[in-house]
Amino acid sequence: MQTLNLNENVLGWDCDTLEVSYNGKIKTFDTVWELEEYLDHRYGVLLVSEESLTDETLH
């Protein structure tokens, strides 16, 4: 589970179990896309894979 401290609150998400946790309350999703959309729209968190952060054309 990845976590992020938002002031005194803790936001966590797990892309394997498709769960988002906020202050101990858990919300479950059917797809990774739904989880990502929820995090983006609700908390402004954008999930990005490490592979997309590297550009092989830059050397």
Protein backbone atom coordinates (compact mmCIF):
# COMPACT_ATOMS: atom_id res chain seq x y z
CA MET A 1 0.00 0.00 0.00
CA GLN A 2 1.25 3.44 -0.92
CA THR A 3 0.50 6.21 1.57
CA LEU A 4 0.47 9.97 1.53
CA ASN A 5 0.13 12.24 4.56
CA LEU A 6 -2.36 15.05 3.96
CA ASN A 7 -1.94 17.32 6.98
CA GLU A 8 -3.13 15.11 9.87
CA ASN A 9 -4.91 12.66 7.54
CA VAL A 10 -3.48 9.58 5.84
CA LEU A 11 -4.47 8.60 2.30
CA GLY A 12 -3.48 5.12 1.12
CA TRP A 13 -4.06 3.12 -2.03
CA ASP A 14 -3.29 -0.35 -3.29
CA CYS A 15 -3.45 -1.03 -7.02
CA ASP A 16 -3.33 -4.80 -6.44
CA THR A 17 -6.39 -5.00 -4.17
CA LEU A 18 -8.03 -1.91 -5.79
CA GLU A 19 -8.59 -0.20 -2.43
CA VAL A 20 -8.29 3.38 -1.27
CA SER A 21 -8.05 4.10 2.44
CA TYR A 22 -8.62 7.51 4.00
CA ASN A 23 -8.49 7.81 7.80
CA GLY A 24 -9.31 4.13 8.21
CA LYS A 25 -12.28 4.11 5.84
CA ILE A 26 -11.76 1.82 2.84
CA LYS A 27 -13.35 2.20 -0.60
CA THR A 28 -13.03 -0.66 -3.10
CA PHE A 29 -13.03 -0.37 -6.89
CA ASP A 30 -13.61 -2.79 -9.77
CA THR A 31 -10.80 -1.52 -12.02
CA VAL A 32 -7.49 0.30 -11.67
CA TRP A 33 -8.90 3.01 -13.94
CA GLU A 34 -11.75 3.71 -11.46
CA LEU A 35 -9.25 3.84 -8.59
CA GLU A 36 -7.00 6.25 -10.51
CA GLU A 37 -9.93 8.49 -11.47
CA TYR A 38 -11.14 8.60 -7.86
CA LEU A 39 -7.70 9.56 -6.54
CA ASP A 40 -7.30 12.24 -9.21
CA HIS A 41 -10.73 13.85 -8.85
CA ARG A 42 -11.13 13.50 -5.08
CA TYR A 43 -7.59 14.15 -3.82
CA GLY A 44 -5.62 15.48 -6.80
CA VAL A 45 -3.32 12.42 -6.76
CA LEU A 46 -2.13 11.29 -10.19
CA LEU A 47 -0.64 7.79 -10.38
CA VAL A 48 2.22 7.47 -12.85
CA SER A 49 4.29 4.36 -13.53
CA GLU A 50 8.06 4.67 -13.29
CA GLU A 51 8.39 3.52 -16.90
CA SER A 52 6.40 6.51 -18.14
CA LEU A 53 8.80 8.88 -16.36
CA THR A 54 11.75 7.81 -18.49
CA ASP A 55 12.06 8.56 -22.16
CA GLU A 56 14.33 6.14 -23.99
CA THR A 57 14.84 8.66 -26.82
CA LEU A 58 16.75 10.97 -24.45
CA HIS A 59 20.37 9.90 -24.04
